[in-house]
Every structure is written in structure tokens, then in C-alpha cells.
Amino acid sequence: MAVNVTEADEYISANCIVIEDWTDADEASKGRILNVAGRTLARKYPKYMIPDAATYEFANVLATAYNDTNKLARQGIEDFALNLTVSVGFKVDLVVGPDADPAALIPQVALDLIGAENGVVISKRGVKWTVL
């Protein structure tokens, strides 16, 4: 995997729909986001070759998940107000705390790219036992 910020910028600009949080990030932040995306995919799918495109897709999702506003929800803040004119509240489901696993944010398109590269089908859905 030879991901870099320049190639990520080109890929995300051409292939992703919502890119504002990625384009607004500085170069250092983009590098960190790419590192986390690549490391998380490699940890979650160690048997598979991870294509750069999958890392770029996941990095774009992470850029949105950890933007300035959503970062507050990830830190456990449920709502806040600015100068009593703007109030922002988060759904309780979004308030996850700082120790949330970024692997939960891996988009299906990244899994499809990994699957295509390795000739397998990877899905976010899993088989689980249930009692009726």
C-alpha cells in the first residue's frame, strides 16, 4: 500500500460525492487520516490485500466523522450553543465517546473494493445467533 495525500486528493475529488471535510483538512490532518484508515483496514482484514482506493474511500468517511462538529459528539458532548444564536444537538446514537472503534465506519464501497481485489465478497452484515 503506497497511499499518499496527493493521490488521495485526486481519487476523492473524482470518485466521492461529499468531499468538503476532506478538502478542508490541512495536509498533516490528511496524512493522519490516511494512516488511521490504512491501519484500521489492515487490522480488520489482515488476510487481504488492501487497495489504495479502499483506503481513500475510508479516509473520506473518517474526514467527515472527525470534522470539527462531529468530533464533539465523538468526545461525548450531546449539545452546545454558540452565542445563544446557534444550538447544535446530536442524536444519542452519535455520541459514542473517544474510544469508539473506527472500523465501525468502514463504508461498504471500501469493502467492495477489497473484495474485488481479493476475489471474495465482504459485507458489513454478519451472521449472528438469535433466540426466538
C-alpha atoms as a PDB file:
ATOM      1  CA  MET A   1       0.000   0.000   0.000  1.00  0.00           C
ATOM      2  CA  ALA A   2       1.562   3.247  -1.137  1.00  0.00           C
ATOM      3  CA  VAL A   3      -1.118   5.767  -0.253  1.00  0.00           C
ATOM      4  CA  ASN A   4      -0.276   9.442  -0.244  1.00  0.00           C
ATOM      5  CA  VAL A   5      -2.158  12.707   0.169  1.00  0.00           C
ATOM      6  CA  THR A   6      -1.765  13.825  -3.458  1.00  0.00           C
ATOM      7  CA  GLU A   7      -3.243  10.616  -4.865  1.00  0.00           C
ATOM      8  CA  ALA A   8      -5.934  10.661  -2.174  1.00  0.00           C
ATOM      9  CA  ASP A   9      -6.906  14.214  -3.183  1.00  0.00           C
ATOM     10  CA  GLU A  10      -7.213  13.158  -6.821  1.00  0.00           C
ATOM     11  CA  TYR A  11      -9.164   9.972  -6.054  1.00  0.00           C
ATOM     12  CA  ILE A  12     -11.565  11.582  -3.585  1.00  0.00           C
ATOM     13  CA  SER A  13     -12.202  14.558  -5.879  1.00  0.00           C
ATOM     14  CA  ALA A  14     -13.057  12.250  -8.773  1.00  0.00           C
ATOM     15  CA  ASN A  15     -14.890   9.409  -7.005  1.00  0.00           C
ATOM     16  CA  CYS A  16     -16.590  10.603  -3.818  1.00  0.00           C
ATOM     17  CA  ILE A  17     -19.769  12.649  -3.524  1.00  0.00           C
ATOM     18  CA  VAL A  18     -19.347  14.611  -0.283  1.00  0.00           C
ATOM     19  CA  ILE A  19     -15.736  15.790  -0.073  1.00  0.00           C
ATOM     20  CA  GLU A  20     -15.826  19.128   1.747  1.00  0.00           C
ATOM     21  CA  ASP A  21     -14.468  17.809   5.037  1.00  0.00           C
ATOM     22  CA  TRP A  22     -11.576  16.121   3.215  1.00  0.00           C
ATOM     23  CA  THR A  23     -10.715  19.194   1.125  1.00  0.00           C
ATOM     24  CA  ASP A  24     -10.972  21.475   4.183  1.00  0.00           C
ATOM     25  CA  ALA A  25      -8.436  19.411   6.140  1.00  0.00           C
ATOM     26  CA  ASP A  26      -4.791  20.507   6.159  1.00  0.00           C
ATOM     27  CA  GLU A  27      -2.023  18.270   4.778  1.00  0.00           C
ATOM     28  CA  ALA A  28      -0.960  16.988   8.209  1.00  0.00           C
ATOM     29  CA  SER A  29      -4.529  16.035   9.115  1.00  0.00           C
ATOM     30  CA  LYS A  30      -4.984  14.281   5.774  1.00  0.00           C
ATOM     31  CA  GLY A  31      -1.819  12.284   6.413  1.00  0.00           C
ATOM     32  CA  ARG A  32      -3.040  11.226   9.845  1.00  0.00           C
ATOM     33  CA  ILE A  33      -6.459  10.304   8.462  1.00  0.00           C
ATOM     34  CA  LEU A  34      -4.829   8.169   5.750  1.00  0.00           C
ATOM     35  CA  ASN A  35      -2.645   6.465   8.372  1.00  0.00           C
ATOM     36  CA  VAL A  36      -5.640   5.617  10.550  1.00  0.00           C
ATOM     37  CA  ALA A  37      -7.671   4.429   7.553  1.00  0.00           C
ATOM     38  CA  GLY A  38      -4.879   2.183   6.289  1.00  0.00           C
ATOM     39  CA  ARG A  39      -4.033   0.822   9.735  1.00  0.00           C
ATOM     40  CA  THR A  40      -7.680   0.124  10.569  1.00  0.00           C
ATOM     41  CA  LEU A  41      -8.314  -1.704   7.286  1.00  0.00           C
ATOM     42  CA  ALA A  42      -5.115  -3.737   7.681  1.00  0.00           C
ATOM     43  CA  ARG A  43      -6.055  -4.680  11.258  1.00  0.00           C
ATOM     44  CA  LYS A  44      -9.630  -5.569  10.349  1.00  0.00           C
ATOM     45  CA  TYR A  45      -8.754  -7.533   7.176  1.00  0.00           C
ATOM     46  CA  PRO A  46      -5.211  -8.880   7.693  1.00  0.00           C
ATOM     47  CA  LYS A  47      -5.597 -11.737   5.187  1.00  0.00           C
ATOM     48  CA  TYR A  48      -6.476  -9.461   2.285  1.00  0.00           C
ATOM     49  CA  MET A  49      -4.585  -7.070   0.037  1.00  0.00           C
ATOM     50  CA  ILE A  50      -5.991  -3.587   0.687  1.00  0.00           C
ATOM     51  CA  PRO A  51      -6.176  -1.479  -2.495  1.00  0.00           C
ATOM     52  CA  ASP A  52      -5.328   2.213  -2.191  1.00  0.00           C
ATOM     53  CA  ALA A  53      -8.828   3.130  -3.417  1.00  0.00           C
ATOM     54  CA  ALA A  54     -10.381   1.398  -0.389  1.00  0.00           C
ATOM     55  CA  THR A  55      -8.137   3.393   1.926  1.00  0.00           C
ATOM     56  CA  TYR A  56      -9.086   6.627   0.151  1.00  0.00           C
ATOM     57  CA  GLU A  57     -12.816   5.843   0.395  1.00  0.00           C
ATOM     58  CA  PHE A  58     -12.477   5.110   4.114  1.00  0.00           C
ATOM     59  CA  ALA A  59     -10.303   8.193   4.668  1.00  0.00           C
ATOM     60  CA  ASN A  60     -13.013  10.406   3.185  1.00  0.00           C
ATOM     61  CA  VAL A  61     -15.553   8.905   5.609  1.00  0.00           C
ATOM     62  CA  LEU A  62     -13.169   9.441   8.529  1.00  0.00           C
ATOM     63  CA  ALA A  63     -12.642  13.072   7.497  1.00  0.00           C
ATOM     64  CA  THR A  64     -16.383  13.632   7.860  1.00  0.00           C
ATOM     65  CA  ALA A  65     -16.716  11.584  11.047  1.00  0.00           C
ATOM     66  CA  TYR A  66     -13.909  13.535  12.711  1.00  0.00           C
ATOM     67  CA  ASN A  67     -14.652  17.012  11.382  1.00  0.00           C
ATOM     68  CA  ASP A  68     -14.807  19.844  13.918  1.00  0.00           C
ATOM     69  CA  THR A  69     -18.535  19.435  14.640  1.00  0.00           C
ATOM     70  CA  ASN A  70     -18.797  15.644  14.659  1.00  0.00           C
ATOM     71  CA  LYS A  71     -15.615  15.433  16.714  1.00  0.00           C
ATOM     72  CA  LEU A  72     -17.524  16.984  19.617  1.00  0.00           C
ATOM     73  CA  ALA A  73     -20.117  14.190  19.504  1.00  0.00           C
ATOM     74  CA  ARG A  74     -17.336  11.612  19.419  1.00  0.00           C
ATOM     75  CA  GLN A  75     -15.928  13.242  22.555  1.00  0.00           C
ATOM     76  CA  GLY A  76     -19.234  12.715  24.358  1.00  0.00           C
ATOM     77  CA  ILE A  77     -20.841  16.153  24.019  1.00  0.00           C
ATOM     78  CA  GLU A  78     -24.600  15.910  23.462  1.00  0.00           C
ATOM     79  CA  ASP A  79     -25.314  19.548  22.614  1.00  0.00           C
ATOM     80  CA  PHE A  80     -23.752  23.003  22.667  1.00  0.00           C
ATOM     81  CA  ALA A  81     -24.656  26.586  21.802  1.00  0.00           C
ATOM     82  CA  LEU A  82     -22.724  29.425  20.196  1.00  0.00           C
ATOM     83  CA  ASN A  83     -23.571  32.965  21.354  1.00  0.00           C
ATOM     84  CA  LEU A  84     -27.130  31.821  22.114  1.00  0.00           C
ATOM     85  CA  THR A  85     -27.924  32.063  18.388  1.00  0.00           C
ATOM     86  CA  VAL A  86     -26.849  28.643  17.151  1.00  0.00           C
ATOM     87  CA  SER A  87     -27.610  25.467  19.040  1.00  0.00           C
ATOM     88  CA  VAL A  88     -26.308  22.074  17.924  1.00  0.00           C
ATOM     89  CA  GLY A  89     -27.544  18.807  19.345  1.00  0.00           C
ATOM     90  CA  PHE A  90     -26.518  15.265  18.492  1.00  0.00           C
ATOM     91  CA  LYS A  91     -28.621  12.125  18.468  1.00  0.00           C
ATOM     92  CA  VAL A  92     -27.675   9.939  21.384  1.00  0.00           C
ATOM     93  CA  ASP A  93     -26.573   7.212  18.937  1.00  0.00           C
ATOM     94  CA  LEU A  94     -23.878   9.548  17.558  1.00  0.00           C
ATOM     95  CA  VAL A  95     -22.438  10.362  20.967  1.00  0.00           C
ATOM     96  CA  VAL A  96     -20.041   7.442  21.224  1.00  0.00           C
ATOM     97  CA  GLY A  97     -17.090   8.734  23.190  1.00  0.00           C
ATOM     98  CA  PRO A  98     -13.437   8.988  22.173  1.00  0.00           C
ATOM     99  CA  ASP A  99     -12.693   5.266  22.383  1.00  0.00           C
ATOM    100  CA  ALA A 100     -15.073   4.201  19.591  1.00  0.00           C
ATOM    101  CA  ASP A 101     -13.598   1.786  17.057  1.00  0.00           C
ATOM    102  CA  PRO A 102     -13.135   3.498  13.665  1.00  0.00           C
ATOM    103  CA  ALA A 103     -13.692   0.104  11.987  1.00  0.00           C
ATOM    104  CA  ALA A 104     -17.427   0.614  12.551  1.00  0.00           C
ATOM    105  CA  LEU A 105     -17.231   3.442   9.994  1.00  0.00           C
ATOM    106  CA  ILE A 106     -15.750   1.398   7.125  1.00  0.00           C
ATOM    107  CA  PRO A 107     -18.067   2.024   4.158  1.00  0.00           C
ATOM    108  CA  GLN A 108     -19.433  -0.815   2.043  1.00  0.00           C
ATOM    109  CA  VAL A 109     -17.732   0.629  -1.056  1.00  0.00           C
ATOM    110  CA  ALA A 110     -14.333   0.100   0.611  1.00  0.00           C
ATOM    111  CA  LEU A 111     -15.301  -3.476   1.434  1.00  0.00           C
ATOM    112  CA  ASP A 112     -16.399  -3.990  -2.178  1.00  0.00           C
ATOM    113  CA  LEU A 113     -13.020  -2.724  -3.412  1.00  0.00           C
ATOM    114  CA  ILE A 114     -11.156  -5.053  -1.024  1.00  0.00           C
ATOM    115  CA  GLY A 115     -13.360  -7.952  -2.091  1.00  0.00           C
ATOM    116  CA  ALA A 116     -12.820  -7.258  -5.788  1.00  0.00           C
ATOM    117  CA  GLU A 117      -9.054  -7.090  -5.276  1.00  0.00           C
ATOM    118  CA  ASN A 118      -9.038 -10.439  -3.468  1.00  0.00           C
ATOM    119  CA  GLY A 119     -11.824 -12.301  -5.273  1.00  0.00           C
ATOM    120  CA  VAL A 120     -14.099 -12.527  -2.231  1.00  0.00           C
ATOM    121  CA  VAL A 121     -17.333 -10.962  -1.029  1.00  0.00           C
ATOM    122  CA  ILE A 122     -17.069  -8.898   2.152  1.00  0.00           C
ATOM    123  CA  SER A 123     -20.164  -7.487   3.782  1.00  0.00           C
ATOM    124  CA  LYS A 124     -20.786  -5.340   6.837  1.00  0.00           C
ATOM    125  CA  ARG A 125     -23.611  -7.678   7.742  1.00  0.00           C
ATOM    126  CA  GLY A 126     -22.704 -10.757   9.676  1.00  0.00           C
ATOM    127  CA  VAL A 127     -24.338 -13.984  10.714  1.00  0.00           C
ATOM    128  CA  LYS A 128     -25.345 -13.994  14.361  1.00  0.00           C
ATOM    129  CA  TRP A 129     -27.129 -16.412  16.656  1.00  0.00           C
ATOM    130  CA  THR A 130     -30.555 -15.430  17.827  1.00  0.00           C
ATOM    131  CA  VAL A 131     -33.211 -16.928  20.059  1.00  0.00           C
ATOM    132  CA  LEU A 132     -36.861 -16.782  19.101  1.00  0.00           C
END
